[in-house]
Amino acid sequence: MTNNVIVELKVLPCGTPTASLSKYVKAVDEVIKKTPGIKYQITPMATIVEGKLDAVLELVKEIHEVPFKMGVPRVLTSVVIDDRRDTQITMESKIKAVS
């Protein structure tokens, strides 16, 4: 059995008509909601997802395309993967460890 990874995602649409990004965040959120086996949490500055590495990487490819489908000409996607193989981690366990 493989451990879950925890991934911080930031999808930054460039060349949008306004400074607001909420409609893009909402569209990405809708894609994540429909993905089986993925837990996630939206934070003020990023989205954190938890799941199997292959599933998360497929999800990253899918959500990277979201702003393009909405007419954005350029998208920057930042991905940070926390992949621990010495112990199992969850989003909750990481928060609990510092509480």
N, C-alpha and C. Protein backbone atom coordinates (compact mmCIF):
# COMPACT_ATOMS: atom_id res chain seq x y z
N MET A 1 0.84 -1.19 0.00
CA MET A 1 0.00 0.00 0.00
C MET A 1 0.89 1.26 0.00
N THR A 2 0.60 2.16 -0.90
CA THR A 2 1.39 3.39 -0.96
C THR A 2 0.74 4.47 -0.13
N ASN A 3 1.57 5.30 0.43
CA ASN A 3 1.08 6.42 1.24
C ASN A 3 0.50 7.51 0.37
N ASN A 4 -0.35 8.31 0.97
CA ASN A 4 -0.84 9.51 0.31
C ASN A 4 0.24 10.58 0.32
N VAL A 5 0.15 11.47 -0.64
CA VAL A 5 0.98 12.66 -0.66
C VAL A 5 0.10 13.85 -0.32
N ILE A 6 0.72 14.89 0.17
CA ILE A 6 0.03 16.16 0.41
C ILE A 6 0.67 17.17 -0.53
N VAL A 7 -0.18 17.87 -1.27
CA VAL A 7 0.32 18.74 -2.32
C VAL A 7 -0.29 20.13 -2.20
N GLU A 8 0.58 21.13 -2.26
CA GLU A 8 0.12 22.52 -2.31
C GLU A 8 0.08 22.94 -3.77
N LEU A 9 -1.09 23.44 -4.20
CA LEU A 9 -1.28 23.86 -5.59
C LEU A 9 -1.63 25.34 -5.66
N LYS A 10 -1.01 26.02 -6.60
CA LYS A 10 -1.36 27.40 -6.89
C LYS A 10 -1.48 27.51 -8.40
N VAL A 11 -2.67 27.86 -8.86
CA VAL A 11 -2.91 28.04 -10.29
C VAL A 11 -3.14 29.53 -10.49
N LEU A 12 -2.23 30.16 -11.23
CA LEU A 12 -2.26 31.61 -11.39
C LEU A 12 -2.54 31.98 -12.85
N PRO A 13 -3.78 32.38 -13.14
CA PRO A 13 -4.09 32.83 -14.49
C PRO A 13 -3.47 34.20 -14.75
N CYS A 14 -2.84 34.37 -15.91
CA CYS A 14 -2.21 35.64 -16.27
C CYS A 14 -2.94 36.22 -17.48
N GLY A 15 -3.13 37.52 -17.45
CA GLY A 15 -3.79 38.18 -18.56
C GLY A 15 -5.30 38.20 -18.43
N THR A 16 -5.77 38.19 -17.18
CA THR A 16 -7.21 38.22 -16.94
C THR A 16 -7.71 39.66 -17.01
N PRO A 17 -9.00 39.84 -17.31
CA PRO A 17 -9.53 41.20 -17.44
C PRO A 17 -9.59 41.98 -16.12
N THR A 18 -9.64 41.27 -14.99
CA THR A 18 -9.70 41.95 -13.69
C THR A 18 -8.66 41.35 -12.74
N ALA A 19 -8.46 41.99 -11.61
CA ALA A 19 -7.52 41.49 -10.62
C ALA A 19 -8.09 40.32 -9.81
N SER A 20 -9.40 40.16 -9.81
CA SER A 20 -10.04 39.10 -9.04
C SER A 20 -9.78 37.73 -9.67
N LEU A 21 -9.48 36.75 -8.83
CA LEU A 21 -9.25 35.38 -9.30
C LEU A 21 -10.29 34.40 -8.78
N SER A 22 -11.27 34.87 -8.05
CA SER A 22 -12.21 33.97 -7.38
C SER A 22 -12.96 33.07 -8.35
N LYS A 23 -13.30 33.54 -9.53
CA LYS A 23 -14.05 32.67 -10.46
C LYS A 23 -13.17 31.52 -10.94
N TYR A 24 -11.87 31.74 -11.02
CA TYR A 24 -10.96 30.67 -11.43
C TYR A 24 -10.77 29.66 -10.29
N VAL A 25 -10.66 30.18 -9.07
CA VAL A 25 -10.55 29.30 -7.90
C VAL A 25 -11.80 28.43 -7.80
N LYS A 26 -12.95 29.02 -8.01
CA LYS A 26 -14.22 28.28 -7.94
C LYS A 26 -14.26 27.19 -9.02
N ALA A 27 -13.82 27.51 -10.23
CA ALA A 27 -13.83 26.53 -11.31
C ALA A 27 -12.87 25.37 -11.00
N VAL A 28 -11.71 25.67 -10.44
CA VAL A 28 -10.76 24.62 -10.04
C VAL A 28 -11.37 23.79 -8.92
N ASP A 29 -12.02 24.44 -7.97
CA ASP A 29 -12.67 23.76 -6.86
C ASP A 29 -13.69 22.74 -7.38
N GLU A 30 -14.45 23.10 -8.39
CA GLU A 30 -15.46 22.20 -8.96
C GLU A 30 -14.81 20.94 -9.54
N VAL A 31 -13.66 21.09 -10.17
CA VAL A 31 -12.94 19.94 -10.72
C VAL A 31 -12.45 19.04 -9.58
N ILE A 32 -11.88 19.64 -8.55
CA ILE A 32 -11.36 18.84 -7.43
C ILE A 32 -12.50 18.09 -6.74
N LYS A 33 -13.64 18.74 -6.54
CA LYS A 33 -14.79 18.11 -5.88
C LYS A 33 -15.21 16.82 -6.59
N LYS A 34 -15.07 16.77 -7.89
CA LYS A 34 -15.51 15.63 -8.70
C LYS A 34 -14.47 14.53 -8.79
N THR A 35 -13.32 14.70 -8.16
CA THR A 35 -12.24 13.74 -8.28
C THR A 35 -12.28 12.75 -7.12
N PRO A 36 -12.55 11.48 -7.40
CA PRO A 36 -12.61 10.49 -6.32
C PRO A 36 -11.26 10.25 -5.67
N GLY A 37 -11.27 9.99 -4.37
CA GLY A 37 -10.05 9.66 -3.65
C GLY A 37 -9.18 10.84 -3.27
N ILE A 38 -9.68 12.06 -3.48
CA ILE A 38 -8.91 13.26 -3.18
C ILE A 38 -9.59 14.01 -2.04
N LYS A 39 -8.82 14.31 -0.99
CA LYS A 39 -9.27 15.24 0.05
C LYS A 39 -8.63 16.57 -0.26
N TYR A 40 -9.29 17.66 0.09
CA TYR A 40 -8.67 18.95 -0.20
C TYR A 40 -9.16 20.02 0.75
N GLN A 41 -8.40 21.10 0.77
CA GLN A 41 -8.74 22.25 1.59
C GLN A 41 -8.28 23.50 0.85
N ILE A 42 -9.20 24.43 0.66
CA ILE A 42 -8.83 25.72 0.08
C ILE A 42 -8.35 26.61 1.22
N THR A 43 -7.21 27.26 1.02
CA THR A 43 -6.68 28.21 1.98
C THR A 43 -6.69 29.60 1.33
N PRO A 44 -6.40 30.65 2.06
CA PRO A 44 -6.40 31.98 1.44
C PRO A 44 -5.40 32.15 0.30
N MET A 45 -4.33 31.34 0.29
CA MET A 45 -3.28 31.55 -0.71
C MET A 45 -3.01 30.35 -1.62
N ALA A 46 -3.63 29.21 -1.35
CA ALA A 46 -3.36 28.00 -2.15
C ALA A 46 -4.45 26.98 -1.87
N THR A 47 -4.40 25.88 -2.59
CA THR A 47 -5.27 24.74 -2.33
C THR A 47 -4.37 23.58 -1.96
N ILE A 48 -4.73 22.86 -0.91
CA ILE A 48 -3.98 21.70 -0.46
C ILE A 48 -4.81 20.47 -0.80
N VAL A 49 -4.17 19.49 -1.46
CA VAL A 49 -4.87 18.25 -1.79
C VAL A 49 -4.09 17.07 -1.20
N GLU A 50 -4.83 16.02 -0.92
CA GLU A 50 -4.24 14.80 -0.35
C GLU A 50 -4.79 13.62 -1.12
N GLY A 51 -3.90 12.73 -1.53
CA GLY A 51 -4.32 11.53 -2.25
C GLY A 51 -3.12 10.76 -2.74
N LYS A 52 -3.38 9.73 -3.51
CA LYS A 52 -2.30 8.93 -4.10
C LYS A 52 -1.57 9.78 -5.14
N LEU A 53 -0.26 9.62 -5.24
CA LEU A 53 0.57 10.45 -6.10
C LEU A 53 0.07 10.47 -7.55
N ASP A 54 -0.20 9.31 -8.13
CA ASP A 54 -0.64 9.28 -9.52
C ASP A 54 -1.95 10.05 -9.72
N ALA A 55 -2.88 9.88 -8.78
CA ALA A 55 -4.17 10.58 -8.88
C ALA A 55 -3.99 12.08 -8.76
N VAL A 56 -3.12 12.50 -7.86
CA VAL A 56 -2.88 13.93 -7.66
C VAL A 56 -2.21 14.53 -8.90
N LEU A 57 -1.26 13.83 -9.48
CA LEU A 57 -0.59 14.35 -10.67
C LEU A 57 -1.56 14.47 -11.85
N GLU A 58 -2.46 13.52 -11.99
CA GLU A 58 -3.49 13.63 -13.03
C GLU A 58 -4.40 14.82 -12.77
N LEU A 59 -4.73 15.03 -11.50
CA LEU A 59 -5.56 16.17 -11.12
C LEU A 59 -4.84 17.49 -11.44
N VAL A 60 -3.55 17.56 -11.17
CA VAL A 60 -2.79 18.78 -11.47
C VAL A 60 -2.89 19.09 -12.96
N LYS A 61 -2.72 18.08 -13.82
CA LYS A 61 -2.84 18.31 -15.26
C LYS A 61 -4.22 18.84 -15.62
N GLU A 62 -5.23 18.27 -15.01
CA GLU A 62 -6.60 18.68 -15.31
C GLU A 62 -6.89 20.12 -14.85
N ILE A 63 -6.47 20.46 -13.64
CA ILE A 63 -6.79 21.81 -13.16
C ILE A 63 -5.91 22.87 -13.81
N HIS A 64 -4.74 22.50 -14.29
CA HIS A 64 -3.90 23.46 -15.02
C HIS A 64 -4.62 23.94 -16.28
N GLU A 65 -5.44 23.10 -16.86
CA GLU A 65 -6.17 23.43 -18.08
C GLU A 65 -7.39 24.31 -17.84
N VAL A 66 -7.89 24.35 -16.61
CA VAL A 66 -9.14 25.07 -16.31
C VAL A 66 -9.10 26.52 -16.77
N PRO A 67 -8.12 27.33 -16.36
CA PRO A 67 -8.13 28.73 -16.81
C PRO A 67 -8.04 28.89 -18.33
N PHE A 68 -7.29 27.99 -18.99
CA PHE A 68 -7.22 28.05 -20.45
C PHE A 68 -8.61 27.87 -21.06
N LYS A 69 -9.36 26.92 -20.52
CA LYS A 69 -10.73 26.68 -21.01
C LYS A 69 -11.64 27.88 -20.77
N MET A 70 -11.23 28.73 -19.82
CA MET A 70 -12.01 29.94 -19.51
C MET A 70 -11.50 31.15 -20.29
N GLY A 71 -10.58 30.93 -21.22
CA GLY A 71 -10.11 32.00 -22.08
C GLY A 71 -8.85 32.72 -21.64
N VAL A 72 -8.20 32.24 -20.60
CA VAL A 72 -6.98 32.89 -20.12
C VAL A 72 -5.83 32.51 -21.05
N PRO A 73 -4.99 33.48 -21.46
CA PRO A 73 -3.93 33.18 -22.41
C PRO A 73 -2.66 32.58 -21.81
N ARG A 74 -2.48 32.71 -20.49
CA ARG A 74 -1.27 32.19 -19.84
C ARG A 74 -1.61 31.73 -18.43
N VAL A 75 -1.04 30.58 -18.03
CA VAL A 75 -1.30 30.03 -16.70
C VAL A 75 0.02 29.57 -16.09
N LEU A 76 0.26 29.99 -14.85
CA LEU A 76 1.40 29.51 -14.08
C LEU A 76 0.86 28.61 -12.98
N THR A 77 1.35 27.38 -12.92
CA THR A 77 0.90 26.45 -11.88
C THR A 77 2.10 26.03 -11.06
N SER A 78 1.99 26.24 -9.76
CA SER A 78 3.04 25.88 -8.82
C SER A 78 2.58 24.66 -8.02
N VAL A 79 3.46 23.66 -7.90
CA VAL A 79 3.13 22.42 -7.22
C VAL A 79 4.25 22.09 -6.23
N VAL A 80 3.87 21.88 -4.97
CA VAL A 80 4.82 21.42 -3.94
C VAL A 80 4.29 20.11 -3.40
N ILE A 81 5.10 19.05 -3.51
CA ILE A 81 4.67 17.71 -3.10
C ILE A 81 5.40 17.30 -1.83
N ASP A 82 4.61 16.93 -0.82
CA ASP A 82 5.16 16.35 0.42
C ASP A 82 4.89 14.85 0.36
N ASP A 83 5.93 14.08 0.11
CA ASP A 83 5.80 12.63 -0.08
C ASP A 83 6.66 11.94 0.96
N ARG A 84 6.05 11.54 2.07
CA ARG A 84 6.78 10.85 3.15
C ARG A 84 6.61 9.36 2.98
N ARG A 85 7.71 8.66 3.00
CA ARG A 85 7.64 7.21 2.85
C ARG A 85 8.08 6.47 4.10
N ASP A 86 8.45 7.25 5.13
CA ASP A 86 8.84 6.64 6.39
C ASP A 86 7.66 6.53 7.35
N THR A 87 6.60 7.26 7.09
CA THR A 87 5.41 7.23 7.94
C THR A 87 4.23 7.74 7.13
N GLN A 88 3.02 7.43 7.58
CA GLN A 88 1.84 7.95 6.89
C GLN A 88 1.51 9.33 7.43
N ILE A 89 1.17 10.24 6.52
CA ILE A 89 0.78 11.59 6.92
C ILE A 89 -0.56 11.93 6.29
N THR A 90 -1.24 12.85 6.96
CA THR A 90 -2.47 13.42 6.42
C THR A 90 -2.41 14.93 6.65
N MET A 91 -3.31 15.65 6.02
CA MET A 91 -3.37 17.09 6.28
C MET A 91 -3.59 17.33 7.78
N GLU A 92 -4.49 16.54 8.37
CA GLU A 92 -4.80 16.71 9.79
C GLU A 92 -3.61 16.37 10.68
N SER A 93 -2.87 15.32 10.34
CA SER A 93 -1.74 14.94 11.19
C SER A 93 -0.64 15.99 11.16
N LYS A 94 -0.47 16.65 10.02
CA LYS A 94 0.55 17.71 9.94
C LYS A 94 0.17 18.90 10.81
N ILE A 95 -1.10 19.25 10.82
CA ILE A 95 -1.56 20.37 11.68
C ILE A 95 -1.47 19.98 13.15
N LYS A 96 -1.90 18.76 13.44
CA LYS A 96 -1.85 18.30 14.83
C LYS A 96 -0.43 18.26 15.38
N ALA A 97 0.54 17.97 14.53
CA ALA A 97 1.94 17.87 14.97
C ALA A 97 2.48 19.21 15.47
N VAL A 98 1.90 20.30 15.05
CA VAL A 98 2.40 21.62 15.48
C VAL A 98 1.45 22.31 16.44
N SER A 99 0.37 21.65 16.79
CA SER A 99 -0.62 22.26 17.71
C SER A 99 -0.22 22.03 19.14
